[in-house]
Amino acid sequence: MKRIVALMLVALCMLLFLVGCGQESTQSDPPSQSTEESGSAPLKVALCLTGPANDGGWCQLAYDGLTAAKDQYGIDFSYTENLQTTDMEAALTDYAAQGYDLIFGLGFQFGDPALSVASKYPDTHFIVFEGSVEADNVLSCKISNEQSRYLLGYLAARLSESGIVGFVAGPAQPSIIKPAEAFKLGAQAANPDTQVLITYCESFTDVALAKEAAIAMLDQGADVIGHGANTAGTGAIKACEERGKLAMGAAADQNSLAPDTVVCSDMYSFGDVLLYIVGNAVDGKFENGIRSYGFAEGIINLAPYHSFEDRIPQDVKDEIEDLKQQIIDGSLVIPVIETPTT
């Protein structure tokens, strides 16, 4: 009898063991948590633009840079386009009141509004591109485009057959005057007798206005025209295309706008600057003050010559490369001129 009971107990234990093995475990590794679930909310970043985010130049470079930052760091990203000067402080205030951590203002025009709003929201950090303002929670980033526009002016003068070149600029403000005057310096370094026509348009978005300015230059004999007017500057390129003259692009490779017209462009790697600033903020760090970025920092470069590669004399291309290297090593310093010269 004892033997039978023992056997029954063994069988019962085996049965319980088998049942236990056949059931799925309800215990598993803890699921990965989102930043919200882990108690760390995503960084909130806002971008304020003076033109459309798809302008193919200045504004789009910034928009694309923060889109990349969203992919890389999982930030919460919002933007506002086509802001007028009178609306800038309200836009910055609105984002700050919503608890945004970083607010970018793309253009010197955001300088004073940023200082005003920053004093009321000390926990929000403001970044002004092409600004000259600074505070504990304000950073001004300057793109040293006087370096690249000097080279484009030099190239324009070397390619000009008439000895007259032009530059269509945006509103006559320091950050706009700077590249225009550098273009002029470069052209006159290539040929002191070069006549440089500069027109300031009171708009960054009025394509027709910039086109009219370029047409006036072409009528005066200009045969190569550069620009520094954001979206409006595409009108200058269009005018050159229609007249069969040459143009220089700005801020991004604009050859695709008119492949037989745009010889070269300067390009800004905004994305790298924006990623750097956002990455620091994700790590709890923020730089203030005024920072400059140019050829040496790898933030500015020249676009390829595309179809003009074989049409530009080799000695001219060599001169451009030599000047660029002089700028990088510091042996050539391009003056920053922020008031128009005669």
C-alpha atoms as a PDB file:
ATOM      1  CA  MET A   1       0.000   0.000   0.000  1.00  0.00           C
ATOM      2  CA  LYS A   2       2.824   2.360   0.886  1.00  0.00           C
ATOM      3  CA  ARG A   3       4.403   1.549  -2.486  1.00  0.00           C
ATOM      4  CA  ILE A   4       1.181   2.476  -4.310  1.00  0.00           C
ATOM      5  CA  VAL A   5       0.891   5.796  -2.420  1.00  0.00           C
ATOM      6  CA  ALA A   6       4.505   6.613  -3.184  1.00  0.00           C
ATOM      7  CA  LEU A   7       3.986   5.921  -6.876  1.00  0.00           C
ATOM      8  CA  MET A   8       0.871   8.100  -6.917  1.00  0.00           C
ATOM      9  CA  LEU A   9       2.768  10.984  -5.308  1.00  0.00           C
ATOM     10  CA  VAL A  10       5.568  10.694  -7.862  1.00  0.00           C
ATOM     11  CA  ALA A  11       3.010  10.716 -10.708  1.00  0.00           C
ATOM     12  CA  LEU A  12       1.284  13.769  -9.261  1.00  0.00           C
ATOM     13  CA  CYS A  13       4.541  15.671  -8.994  1.00  0.00           C
ATOM     14  CA  MET A  14       5.417  14.830 -12.605  1.00  0.00           C
ATOM     15  CA  LEU A  15       1.987  15.973 -13.755  1.00  0.00           C
ATOM     16  CA  LEU A  16       2.320  19.292 -11.953  1.00  0.00           C
ATOM     17  CA  PHE A  17       5.803  19.730 -13.431  1.00  0.00           C
ATOM     18  CA  LEU A  18       4.549  19.120 -16.978  1.00  0.00           C
ATOM     19  CA  VAL A  19       1.632  21.509 -16.580  1.00  0.00           C
ATOM     20  CA  GLY A  20       3.965  24.202 -15.299  1.00  0.00           C
ATOM     21  CA  CYS A  21       6.276  23.744 -18.270  1.00  0.00           C
ATOM     22  CA  GLY A  22       3.399  23.970 -20.725  1.00  0.00           C
ATOM     23  CA  GLN A  23       2.223  27.377 -19.527  1.00  0.00           C
ATOM     24  CA  GLU A  24       3.664  30.679 -20.863  1.00  0.00           C
ATOM     25  CA  SER A  25       5.457  32.770 -18.301  1.00  0.00           C
ATOM     26  CA  THR A  26       3.712  36.022 -17.402  1.00  0.00           C
ATOM     27  CA  GLN A  27       7.037  37.597 -16.404  1.00  0.00           C
ATOM     28  CA  SER A  28       9.082  39.328 -19.097  1.00  0.00           C
ATOM     29  CA  ASP A  29      11.783  41.926 -19.418  1.00  0.00           C
ATOM     30  CA  PRO A  30      10.522  45.452 -18.724  1.00  0.00           C
ATOM     31  CA  PRO A  31       9.470  47.183 -21.966  1.00  0.00           C
ATOM     32  CA  SER A  32      11.678  49.961 -23.261  1.00  0.00           C
ATOM     33  CA  GLN A  33      10.308  53.291 -22.122  1.00  0.00           C
ATOM     34  CA  SER A  34       9.720  56.393 -24.190  1.00  0.00           C
ATOM     35  CA  THR A  35      11.192  59.643 -22.937  1.00  0.00           C
ATOM     36  CA  GLU A  36       7.798  60.605 -21.581  1.00  0.00           C
ATOM     37  CA  GLU A  37       7.399  57.250 -19.746  1.00  0.00           C
ATOM     38  CA  SER A  38      10.882  57.498 -18.281  1.00  0.00           C
ATOM     39  CA  GLY A  39      10.109  60.946 -16.932  1.00  0.00           C
ATOM     40  CA  SER A  40      12.319  62.751 -19.464  1.00  0.00           C
ATOM     41  CA  ALA A  41      10.174  64.740 -21.893  1.00  0.00           C
ATOM     42  CA  PRO A  42      11.601  65.406 -25.366  1.00  0.00           C
ATOM     43  CA  LEU A  43      13.417  68.678 -25.919  1.00  0.00           C
ATOM     44  CA  LYS A  44      11.008  71.231 -27.386  1.00  0.00           C
ATOM     45  CA  VAL A  45      12.570  73.216 -30.232  1.00  0.00           C
ATOM     46  CA  ALA A  46      11.013  76.004 -32.308  1.00  0.00           C
ATOM     47  CA  LEU A  47      12.203  77.681 -35.499  1.00  0.00           C
ATOM     48  CA  CYS A  48      11.065  81.156 -36.584  1.00  0.00           C
ATOM     49  CA  LEU A  49      11.600  82.033 -40.261  1.00  0.00           C
ATOM     50  CA  THR A  50      11.389  85.225 -42.303  1.00  0.00           C
ATOM     51  CA  GLY A  51      10.443  83.274 -45.448  1.00  0.00           C
ATOM     52  CA  PRO A  52       8.991  79.921 -46.485  1.00  0.00           C
ATOM     53  CA  ALA A  53      10.561  76.727 -45.167  1.00  0.00           C
ATOM     54  CA  ASN A  54      10.903  75.407 -48.730  1.00  0.00           C
ATOM     55  CA  ASP A  55      12.700  78.432 -50.204  1.00  0.00           C
ATOM     56  CA  GLY A  56      15.566  76.299 -51.510  1.00  0.00           C
ATOM     57  CA  GLY A  57      18.070  78.372 -49.570  1.00  0.00           C
ATOM     58  CA  TRP A  58      18.557  80.035 -46.165  1.00  0.00           C
ATOM     59  CA  CYS A  59      15.232  79.072 -44.583  1.00  0.00           C
ATOM     60  CA  GLN A  60      15.126  75.535 -45.950  1.00  0.00           C
ATOM     61  CA  LEU A  61      18.652  74.818 -44.730  1.00  0.00           C
ATOM     62  CA  ALA A  62      17.583  75.639 -41.177  1.00  0.00           C
ATOM     63  CA  TYR A  63      14.341  73.690 -41.495  1.00  0.00           C
ATOM     64  CA  ASP A  64      16.169  70.639 -42.872  1.00  0.00           C
ATOM     65  CA  GLY A  65      18.755  70.897 -40.095  1.00  0.00           C
ATOM     66  CA  LEU A  66      16.151  70.758 -37.345  1.00  0.00           C
ATOM     67  CA  THR A  67      14.273  67.999 -39.150  1.00  0.00           C
ATOM     68  CA  ALA A  68      17.508  65.990 -38.988  1.00  0.00           C
ATOM     69  CA  ALA A  69      17.823  66.882 -35.293  1.00  0.00           C
ATOM     70  CA  LYS A  70      14.286  65.582 -34.751  1.00  0.00           C
ATOM     71  CA  ASP A  71      15.263  62.258 -36.336  1.00  0.00           C
ATOM     72  CA  GLN A  72      18.511  62.004 -34.400  1.00  0.00           C
ATOM     73  CA  TYR A  73      17.448  63.254 -30.975  1.00  0.00           C
ATOM     74  CA  GLY A  74      13.678  62.763 -30.936  1.00  0.00           C
ATOM     75  CA  ILE A  75      12.999  66.436 -30.288  1.00  0.00           C
ATOM     76  CA  ASP A  76       9.551  68.000 -30.416  1.00  0.00           C
ATOM     77  CA  PHE A  77       9.953  70.414 -33.363  1.00  0.00           C
ATOM     78  CA  SER A  78       7.660  73.250 -34.498  1.00  0.00           C
ATOM     79  CA  TYR A  79       8.185  76.165 -36.865  1.00  0.00           C
ATOM     80  CA  THR A  80       6.590  79.386 -38.087  1.00  0.00           C
ATOM     81  CA  GLU A  81       7.163  80.779 -41.585  1.00  0.00           C
ATOM     82  CA  ASN A  82       7.031  84.195 -43.267  1.00  0.00           C
ATOM     83  CA  LEU A  83       7.299  86.289 -40.119  1.00  0.00           C
ATOM     84  CA  GLN A  84       7.376  90.055 -40.486  1.00  0.00           C
ATOM     85  CA  THR A  85       9.542  92.127 -38.150  1.00  0.00           C
ATOM     86  CA  THR A  86       6.474  93.386 -36.297  1.00  0.00           C
ATOM     87  CA  ASP A  87       5.388  89.803 -35.527  1.00  0.00           C
ATOM     88  CA  MET A  88       8.699  88.409 -34.298  1.00  0.00           C
ATOM     89  CA  GLU A  89       8.494  89.239 -30.604  1.00  0.00           C
ATOM     90  CA  ALA A  90       4.959  87.825 -30.401  1.00  0.00           C
ATOM     91  CA  ALA A  91       6.072  84.590 -32.098  1.00  0.00           C
ATOM     92  CA  LEU A  92       9.035  84.158 -29.733  1.00  0.00           C
ATOM     93  CA  THR A  93       6.830  84.922 -26.730  1.00  0.00           C
ATOM     94  CA  ASP A  94       4.216  82.401 -27.834  1.00  0.00           C
ATOM     95  CA  TYR A  95       6.768  79.588 -28.076  1.00  0.00           C
ATOM     96  CA  ALA A  96       8.421  80.553 -24.783  1.00  0.00           C
ATOM     97  CA  ALA A  97       5.041  80.623 -23.012  1.00  0.00           C
ATOM     98  CA  GLN A  98       4.374  77.099 -24.322  1.00  0.00           C
ATOM     99  CA  GLY A  99       7.516  75.872 -22.591  1.00  0.00           C
ATOM    100  CA  TYR A 100       9.848  75.453 -25.560  1.00  0.00           C
ATOM    101  CA  ASP A 101      13.458  74.857 -24.526  1.00  0.00           C
ATOM    102  CA  LEU A 102      15.262  76.196 -27.619  1.00  0.00           C
ATOM    103  CA  ILE A 103      13.919  78.874 -29.956  1.00  0.00           C
ATOM    104  CA  PHE A 104      15.818  79.688 -33.152  1.00  0.00           C
ATOM    105  CA  GLY A 105      15.329  83.009 -34.944  1.00  0.00           C
ATOM    106  CA  LEU A 106      16.724  82.894 -38.464  1.00  0.00           C
ATOM    107  CA  GLY A 107      17.969  86.390 -39.155  1.00  0.00           C
ATOM    108  CA  PHE A 108      19.467  89.444 -37.472  1.00  0.00           C
ATOM    109  CA  GLN A 109      15.947  90.893 -37.195  1.00  0.00           C
ATOM    110  CA  PHE A 110      15.274  88.538 -34.270  1.00  0.00           C
ATOM    111  CA  GLY A 111      18.042  90.110 -32.170  1.00  0.00           C
ATOM    112  CA  ASP A 112      16.167  92.737 -30.176  1.00  0.00           C
ATOM    113  CA  PRO A 113      12.964  90.656 -29.901  1.00  0.00           C
ATOM    114  CA  ALA A 114      15.030  87.735 -28.566  1.00  0.00           C
ATOM    115  CA  LEU A 115      16.672  89.902 -25.902  1.00  0.00           C
ATOM    116  CA  SER A 116      13.302  91.258 -24.838  1.00  0.00           C
ATOM    117  CA  VAL A 117      11.641  87.857 -24.545  1.00  0.00           C
ATOM    118  CA  ALA A 118      14.734  86.162 -23.057  1.00  0.00           C
ATOM    119  CA  SER A 119      14.651  88.484 -20.059  1.00  0.00           C
ATOM    120  CA  LYS A 120      11.131  87.286 -19.267  1.00  0.00           C
ATOM    121  CA  TYR A 121      11.824  83.576 -19.835  1.00  0.00           C
ATOM    122  CA  PRO A 122      15.264  82.856 -18.314  1.00  0.00           C
ATOM    123  CA  ASP A 123      14.815  79.077 -18.615  1.00  0.00           C
ATOM    124  CA  THR A 124      14.322  79.264 -22.385  1.00  0.00           C
ATOM    125  CA  HIS A 125      17.341  79.520 -24.668  1.00  0.00           C
ATOM    126  CA  PHE A 126      17.272  81.704 -27.779  1.00  0.00           C
ATOM    127  CA  ILE A 127      19.538  81.384 -30.819  1.00  0.00           C
ATOM    128  CA  VAL A 128      19.742  84.231 -33.343  1.00  0.00           C
ATOM    129  CA  PHE A 129      21.434  83.575 -36.671  1.00  0.00           C
ATOM    130  CA  GLU A 130      23.410  86.541 -37.994  1.00  0.00           C
ATOM    131  CA  GLY A 131      22.693  88.346 -34.736  1.00  0.00           C
ATOM    132  CA  SER A 132      24.985  90.489 -32.610  1.00  0.00           C
ATOM    133  CA  VAL A 133      23.170  90.133 -29.312  1.00  0.00           C
ATOM    134  CA  GLU A 134      24.105  88.134 -26.253  1.00  0.00           C
ATOM    135  CA  ALA A 135      22.767  87.318 -22.805  1.00  0.00           C
ATOM    136  CA  ASP A 136      22.923  84.402 -20.384  1.00  0.00           C
ATOM    137  CA  ASN A 137      20.261  82.570 -22.409  1.00  0.00           C
ATOM    138  CA  VAL A 138      20.948  84.081 -25.849  1.00  0.00           C
ATOM    139  CA  LEU A 139      23.426  82.830 -28.463  1.00  0.00           C
ATOM    140  CA  SER A 140      24.194  84.663 -31.707  1.00  0.00           C
ATOM    141  CA  CYS A 141      25.537  82.528 -34.556  1.00  0.00           C
ATOM    142  CA  LYS A 142      27.262  84.298 -37.411  1.00  0.00           C
ATOM    143  CA  ILE A 143      27.894  82.596 -40.730  1.00  0.00           C
ATOM    144  CA  SER A 144      31.117  84.061 -42.105  1.00  0.00           C
ATOM    145  CA  ASN A 145      29.719  84.386 -45.605  1.00  0.00           C
ATOM    146  CA  GLU A 146      31.972  87.344 -46.295  1.00  0.00           C
ATOM    147  CA  GLN A 147      34.577  84.644 -46.977  1.00  0.00           C
ATOM    148  CA  SER A 148      32.578  82.787 -49.618  1.00  0.00           C
ATOM    149  CA  ARG A 149      31.038  85.886 -51.229  1.00  0.00           C
ATOM    150  CA  TYR A 150      34.533  87.319 -51.649  1.00  0.00           C
ATOM    151  CA  LEU A 151      35.425  84.242 -53.705  1.00  0.00           C
ATOM    152  CA  LEU A 152      32.206  84.436 -55.739  1.00  0.00           C
ATOM    153  CA  GLY A 153      32.908  88.102 -56.469  1.00  0.00           C
ATOM    154  CA  TYR A 154      36.427  87.216 -57.544  1.00  0.00           C
ATOM    155  CA  LEU A 155      35.083  84.486 -59.819  1.00  0.00           C
ATOM    156  CA  ALA A 156      32.434  86.816 -61.249  1.00  0.00           C
ATOM    157  CA  ALA A 157      35.045  89.411 -62.206  1.00  0.00           C
ATOM    158  CA  ARG A 158      37.328  86.794 -63.755  1.00  0.00           C
ATOM    159  CA  LEU A 159      34.454  85.505 -65.916  1.00  0.00           C
ATOM    160  CA  SER A 160      33.013  88.894 -66.846  1.00  0.00           C
ATOM    161  CA  GLU A 161      33.559  90.043 -70.417  1.00  0.00           C
ATOM    162  CA  SER A 162      32.061  93.507 -69.938  1.00  0.00           C
ATOM    163  CA  GLY A 163      33.971  94.379 -66.772  1.00  0.00           C
ATOM    164  CA  ILE A 164      30.666  95.021 -64.995  1.00  0.00           C
ATOM    165  CA  VAL A 165      29.187  92.676 -62.376  1.00  0.00           C
ATOM    166  CA  GLY A 166      26.254  93.053 -60.015  1.00  0.00           C
ATOM    167  CA  PHE A 167      24.950  91.952 -56.638  1.00  0.00           C
ATOM    168  CA  VAL A 168      21.265  91.948 -55.676  1.00  0.00           C
ATOM    169  CA  ALA A 169      20.917  92.093 -51.894  1.00  0.00           C
ATOM    170  CA  GLY A 170      18.094  92.064 -49.387  1.00  0.00           C
ATOM    171  CA  PRO A 171      17.340  94.950 -47.002  1.00  0.00           C
ATOM    172  CA  ALA A 172      20.354  97.143 -46.205  1.00  0.00           C
ATOM    173  CA  GLN A 173      21.088  95.715 -42.757  1.00  0.00           C
ATOM    174  CA  PRO A 174      24.549  94.766 -41.404  1.00  0.00           C
ATOM    175  CA  SER A 175      24.316  91.012 -42.091  1.00  0.00           C
ATOM    176  CA  ILE A 176      23.180  91.734 -45.675  1.00  0.00           C
ATOM    177  CA  ILE A 177      25.628  94.540 -46.381  1.00  0.00           C
ATOM    178  CA  LYS A 178      28.498  92.299 -45.215  1.00  0.00           C
ATOM    179  CA  PRO A 179      28.307  89.710 -48.074  1.00  0.00           C
ATOM    180  CA  ALA A 180      27.499  92.389 -50.654  1.00  0.00           C
ATOM    181  CA  GLU A 181      30.606  94.375 -49.775  1.00  0.00           C
ATOM    182  CA  ALA A 182      32.699  91.190 -49.682  1.00  0.00           C
ATOM    183  CA  PHE A 183      31.501  90.321 -53.203  1.00  0.00           C
ATOM    184  CA  LYS A 184      32.643  93.776 -54.274  1.00  0.00           C
ATOM    185  CA  LEU A 185      36.044  93.354 -52.601  1.00  0.00           C
ATOM    186  CA  GLY A 186      36.554  90.006 -54.306  1.00  0.00           C
ATOM    187  CA  ALA A 187      35.623  91.353 -57.722  1.00  0.00           C
ATOM    188  CA  GLN A 188      38.004  94.292 -57.379  1.00  0.00           C
ATOM    189  CA  ALA A 189      40.773  92.000 -56.119  1.00  0.00           C
ATOM    190  CA  ALA A 190      40.442  90.045 -59.363  1.00  0.00           C
ATOM    191  CA  ASN A 191      40.404  93.217 -61.454  1.00  0.00           C
ATOM    192  CA  PRO A 192      40.633  96.682 -59.872  1.00  0.00           C
ATOM    193  CA  ASP A 193      38.866  98.159 -62.889  1.00  0.00           C
ATOM    194  CA  THR A 194      35.756  96.018 -62.412  1.00  0.00           C
ATOM    195  CA  GLN A 195      32.581  98.025 -61.887  1.00  0.00           C
ATOM    196  CA  VAL A 196      30.393  96.483 -59.177  1.00  0.00           C
ATOM    197  CA  LEU A 197      26.698  97.376 -59.068  1.00  0.00           C
ATOM    198  CA  ILE A 198      24.903  96.715 -55.771  1.00  0.00           C
ATOM    199  CA  THR A 199      21.170  97.101 -55.197  1.00  0.00           C
ATOM    200  CA  TYR A 200      19.421  96.597 -51.855  1.00  0.00           C
ATOM    201  CA  CYS A 201      15.840  95.368 -52.092  1.00  0.00           C
ATOM    202  CA  GLU A 202      13.506  95.942 -49.164  1.00  0.00           C
ATOM    203  CA  SER A 203      12.332  92.344 -49.166  1.00  0.00           C
ATOM    204  CA  PHE A 204      13.611  88.807 -48.730  1.00  0.00           C
ATOM    205  CA  THR A 205      10.606  87.280 -50.478  1.00  0.00           C
ATOM    206  CA  ASP A 206       9.672  89.606 -53.365  1.00  0.00           C
ATOM    207  CA  VAL A 207      11.034  87.669 -56.329  1.00  0.00           C
ATOM    208  CA  ALA A 208       9.721  90.196 -58.854  1.00  0.00           C
ATOM    209  CA  LEU A 209      11.481  93.073 -57.089  1.00  0.00           C
ATOM    210  CA  ALA A 210      14.847  91.303 -57.143  1.00  0.00           C
ATOM    211  CA  LYS A 211      14.324  90.375 -60.775  1.00  0.00           C
ATOM    212  CA  GLU A 212      13.689  94.033 -61.649  1.00  0.00           C
ATOM    213  CA  ALA A 213      16.888  95.020 -59.826  1.00  0.00           C
ATOM    214  CA  ALA A 214      18.872  92.440 -61.792  1.00  0.00           C
ATOM    215  CA  ILE A 215      17.344  93.538 -65.099  1.00  0.00           C
ATOM    216  CA  ALA A 216      18.413  97.115 -64.363  1.00  0.00           C
ATOM    217  CA  MET A 217      21.974  95.874 -63.827  1.00  0.00           C
ATOM    218  CA  LEU A 218      21.914  93.844 -67.028  1.00  0.00           C
ATOM    219  CA  ASP A 219      20.707  96.922 -68.888  1.00  0.00           C
ATOM    220  CA  GLN A 220      23.789  98.751 -67.564  1.00  0.00           C
ATOM    221  CA  GLY A 221      26.070  96.081 -69.016  1.00  0.00           C
ATOM    222  CA  ALA A 222      26.497  93.631 -66.144  1.00  0.00           C
ATOM    223  CA  ASP A 223      27.055  90.092 -67.388  1.00  0.00           C
ATOM    224  CA  VAL A 224      27.515  88.239 -64.060  1.00  0.00           C
ATOM    225  CA  ILE A 225      25.233  88.792 -61.057  1.00  0.00           C
ATOM    226  CA  GLY A 226      25.388  87.420 -57.524  1.00  0.00           C
ATOM    227  CA  HIS A 227      22.721  87.725 -54.876  1.00  0.00           C
ATOM    228  CA  GLY A 228      22.091  87.710 -51.148  1.00  0.00           C
ATOM    229  CA  ALA A 229      18.339  88.139 -50.850  1.00  0.00           C
ATOM    230  CA  ASN A 230      17.091  84.719 -49.747  1.00  0.00           C
ATOM    231  CA  THR A 231      13.958  83.711 -51.694  1.00  0.00           C
ATOM    232  CA  ALA A 232      13.822  87.023 -53.551  1.00  0.00           C
ATOM    233  CA  GLY A 233      17.272  86.361 -54.999  1.00  0.00           C
ATOM    234  CA  THR A 234      15.906  83.633 -57.243  1.00  0.00           C
ATOM    235  CA  GLY A 235      14.430  86.480 -59.277  1.00  0.00           C
ATOM    236  CA  ALA A 236      17.946  87.710 -60.048  1.00  0.00           C
ATOM    237  CA  ILE A 237      18.882  84.238 -61.273  1.00  0.00           C
ATOM    238  CA  LYS A 238      15.778  84.163 -63.473  1.00  0.00           C
ATOM    239  CA  ALA A 239      16.650  87.526 -65.015  1.00  0.00           C
ATOM    240  CA  CYS A 240      20.145  86.279 -65.895  1.00  0.00           C
ATOM    241  CA  GLU A 241      18.734  83.086 -67.352  1.00  0.00           C
ATOM    242  CA  GLU A 242      16.336  84.978 -69.594  1.00  0.00           C
ATOM    243  CA  ARG A 243      19.093  87.311 -70.816  1.00  0.00           C
ATOM    244  CA  GLY A 244      21.683  84.568 -71.324  1.00  0.00           C
ATOM    245  CA  LYS A 245      24.010  85.962 -68.666  1.00  0.00           C
ATOM    246  CA  LEU A 246      25.716  84.308 -65.702  1.00  0.00           C
ATOM    247  CA  ALA A 247      24.675  84.184 -62.038  1.00  0.00           C
ATOM    248  CA  MET A 248      26.036  83.077 -58.682  1.00  0.00           C
ATOM    249  CA  GLY A 249      23.875  81.185 -56.195  1.00  0.00           C
ATOM    250  CA  ALA A 250      23.665  81.797 -52.460  1.00  0.00           C
ATOM    251  CA  ALA A 251      23.474  79.711 -49.255  1.00  0.00           C
ATOM    252  CA  ALA A 252      22.822  76.441 -51.133  1.00  0.00           C
ATOM    253  CA  ASP A 253      23.759  74.884 -54.456  1.00  0.00           C
ATOM    254  CA  GLN A 254      21.299  76.711 -56.727  1.00  0.00           C
ATOM    255  CA  ASN A 255      22.596  75.362 -60.025  1.00  0.00           C
ATOM    256  CA  SER A 256      19.433  73.300 -60.475  1.00  0.00           C
ATOM    257  CA  LEU A 257      17.384  76.515 -60.703  1.00  0.00           C
ATOM    258  CA  ALA A 258      19.144  77.396 -63.954  1.00  0.00           C
ATOM    259  CA  PRO A 259      21.860  74.863 -64.900  1.00  0.00           C
ATOM    260  CA  ASP A 260      23.241  76.931 -67.786  1.00  0.00           C
ATOM    261  CA  THR A 261      23.233  80.150 -65.763  1.00  0.00           C
ATOM    262  CA  VAL A 262      24.381  79.484 -62.179  1.00  0.00           C
ATOM    263  CA  VAL A 263      28.151  79.039 -62.316  1.00  0.00           C
ATOM    264  CA  CYS A 264      28.748  78.439 -58.624  1.00  0.00           C
ATOM    265  CA  SER A 265      27.118  78.951 -55.236  1.00  0.00           C
ATOM    266  CA  ASP A 266      28.297  79.143 -51.685  1.00  0.00           C
ATOM    267  CA  MET A 267      26.771  76.586 -49.338  1.00  0.00           C
ATOM    268  CA  TYR A 268      26.091  76.764 -45.620  1.00  0.00           C
ATOM    269  CA  SER A 269      26.104  73.565 -43.576  1.00  0.00           C
ATOM    270  CA  PHE A 270      23.449  74.886 -41.217  1.00  0.00           C
ATOM    271  CA  GLY A 271      22.582  71.337 -40.320  1.00  0.00           C
ATOM    272  CA  ASP A 272      25.903  70.785 -38.567  1.00  0.00           C
ATOM    273  CA  VAL A 273      25.545  73.959 -36.478  1.00  0.00           C
ATOM    274  CA  LEU A 274      21.957  73.157 -35.544  1.00  0.00           C
ATOM    275  CA  LEU A 275      22.761  69.548 -34.674  1.00  0.00           C
ATOM    276  CA  TYR A 276      25.640  70.732 -32.497  1.00  0.00           C
ATOM    277  CA  ILE A 277      23.450  73.198 -30.593  1.00  0.00           C
ATOM    278  CA  VAL A 278      20.570  70.745 -30.175  1.00  0.00           C
ATOM    279  CA  GLY A 279      22.928  67.937 -29.162  1.00  0.00           C
ATOM    280  CA  ASN A 280      24.438  70.135 -26.466  1.00  0.00           C
ATOM    281  CA  ALA A 281      20.977  71.060 -25.220  1.00  0.00           C
ATOM    282  CA  VAL A 282      19.973  67.397 -25.035  1.00  0.00           C
ATOM    283  CA  ASP A 283      23.030  66.935 -22.791  1.00  0.00           C
ATOM    284  CA  GLY A 284      21.990  69.907 -20.677  1.00  0.00           C
ATOM    285  CA  LYS A 285      24.562  72.324 -22.095  1.00  0.00           C
ATOM    286  CA  PHE A 286      24.058  75.717 -23.764  1.00  0.00           C
ATOM    287  CA  GLU A 287      26.635  78.131 -25.136  1.00  0.00           C
ATOM    288  CA  ASN A 288      25.882  81.822 -25.085  1.00  0.00           C
ATOM    289  CA  GLY A 289      27.732  84.781 -26.561  1.00  0.00           C
ATOM    290  CA  ILE A 290      28.561  85.303 -30.245  1.00  0.00           C
ATOM    291  CA  ARG A 291      29.994  82.492 -32.384  1.00  0.00           C
ATOM    292  CA  SER A 292      31.262  82.598 -35.984  1.00  0.00           C
ATOM    293  CA  TYR A 293      31.473  79.738 -38.490  1.00  0.00           C
ATOM    294  CA  GLY A 294      33.286  79.786 -41.838  1.00  0.00           C
ATOM    295  CA  PHE A 295      35.526  77.765 -44.149  1.00  0.00           C
ATOM    296  CA  ALA A 296      37.895  76.722 -41.357  1.00  0.00           C
ATOM    297  CA  GLU A 297      35.033  75.254 -39.317  1.00  0.00           C
ATOM    298  CA  GLY A 298      33.671  73.388 -42.339  1.00  0.00           C
ATOM    299  CA  ILE A 299      30.352  75.236 -42.189  1.00  0.00           C
ATOM    300  CA  ILE A 300      30.824  77.156 -45.457  1.00  0.00           C
ATOM    301  CA  ASN A 301      31.961  75.736 -48.764  1.00  0.00           C
ATOM    302  CA  LEU A 302      31.635  76.291 -52.492  1.00  0.00           C
ATOM    303  CA  ALA A 303      29.344  74.171 -54.646  1.00  0.00           C
ATOM    304  CA  PRO A 304      30.642  72.262 -57.669  1.00  0.00           C
ATOM    305  CA  TYR A 305      30.859  74.092 -60.997  1.00  0.00           C
ATOM    306  CA  HIS A 306      28.629  71.476 -62.635  1.00  0.00           C
ATOM    307  CA  SER A 307      28.423  72.095 -66.414  1.00  0.00           C
ATOM    308  CA  PHE A 308      30.834  75.021 -66.056  1.00  0.00           C
ATOM    309  CA  GLU A 309      33.645  72.756 -64.843  1.00  0.00           C
ATOM    310  CA  ASP A 310      35.224  72.605 -68.301  1.00  0.00           C
ATOM    311  CA  ARG A 311      34.197  76.130 -69.261  1.00  0.00           C
ATOM    312  CA  ILE A 312      36.098  77.906 -66.499  1.00  0.00           C
ATOM    313  CA  PRO A 313      39.839  78.274 -67.238  1.00  0.00           C
ATOM    314  CA  GLN A 314      41.971  76.075 -65.006  1.00  0.00           C
ATOM    315  CA  ASP A 315      44.054  79.007 -63.811  1.00  0.00           C
ATOM    316  CA  VAL A 316      40.892  80.714 -62.544  1.00  0.00           C
ATOM    317  CA  LYS A 317      39.816  77.600 -60.640  1.00  0.00           C
ATOM    318  CA  ASP A 318      43.319  77.331 -59.184  1.00  0.00           C
ATOM    319  CA  GLU A 319      43.179  80.960 -58.030  1.00  0.00           C
ATOM    320  CA  ILE A 320      39.868  80.338 -56.265  1.00  0.00           C
ATOM    321  CA  GLU A 321      41.251  77.288 -54.466  1.00  0.00           C
ATOM    322  CA  ASP A 322      44.401  79.151 -53.472  1.00  0.00           C
ATOM    323  CA  LEU A 323      42.386  82.052 -52.031  1.00  0.00           C
ATOM    324  CA  LYS A 324      40.144  79.649 -50.172  1.00  0.00           C
ATOM    325  CA  GLN A 325      43.151  77.965 -48.578  1.00  0.00           C
ATOM    326  CA  GLN A 326      44.567  81.345 -47.573  1.00  0.00           C
ATOM    327  CA  ILE A 327      41.287  82.115 -45.815  1.00  0.00           C
ATOM    328  CA  ILE A 328      41.385  78.767 -44.012  1.00  0.00           C
ATOM    329  CA  ASP A 329      44.956  79.161 -42.784  1.00  0.00           C
ATOM    330  CA  GLY A 330      44.379  82.776 -41.814  1.00  0.00           C
ATOM    331  CA  SER A 331      46.803  84.420 -44.198  1.00  0.00           C
ATOM    332  CA  LEU A 332      43.879  86.124 -45.953  1.00  0.00           C
ATOM    333  CA  VAL A 333      41.307  87.791 -43.708  1.00  0.00           C
ATOM    334  CA  ILE A 334      38.251  89.188 -45.441  1.00  0.00           C
ATOM    335  CA  PRO A 335      37.158  92.479 -43.841  1.00  0.00           C
ATOM    336  CA  VAL A 336      33.678  92.611 -42.338  1.00  0.00           C
ATOM    337  CA  ILE A 337      32.061  95.742 -43.746  1.00  0.00           C
ATOM    338  CA  GLU A 338      28.575  96.471 -42.420  1.00  0.00           C
ATOM    339  CA  THR A 339      27.912  99.887 -43.935  1.00  0.00           C
ATOM    340  CA  PRO A 340      27.650 100.439 -47.711  1.00  0.00           C
ATOM    341  CA  THR A 341      30.714 101.885 -49.440  1.00  0.00           C
ATOM    342  CA  THR A 342      30.566 104.185 -52.423  1.00  0.00           C
END
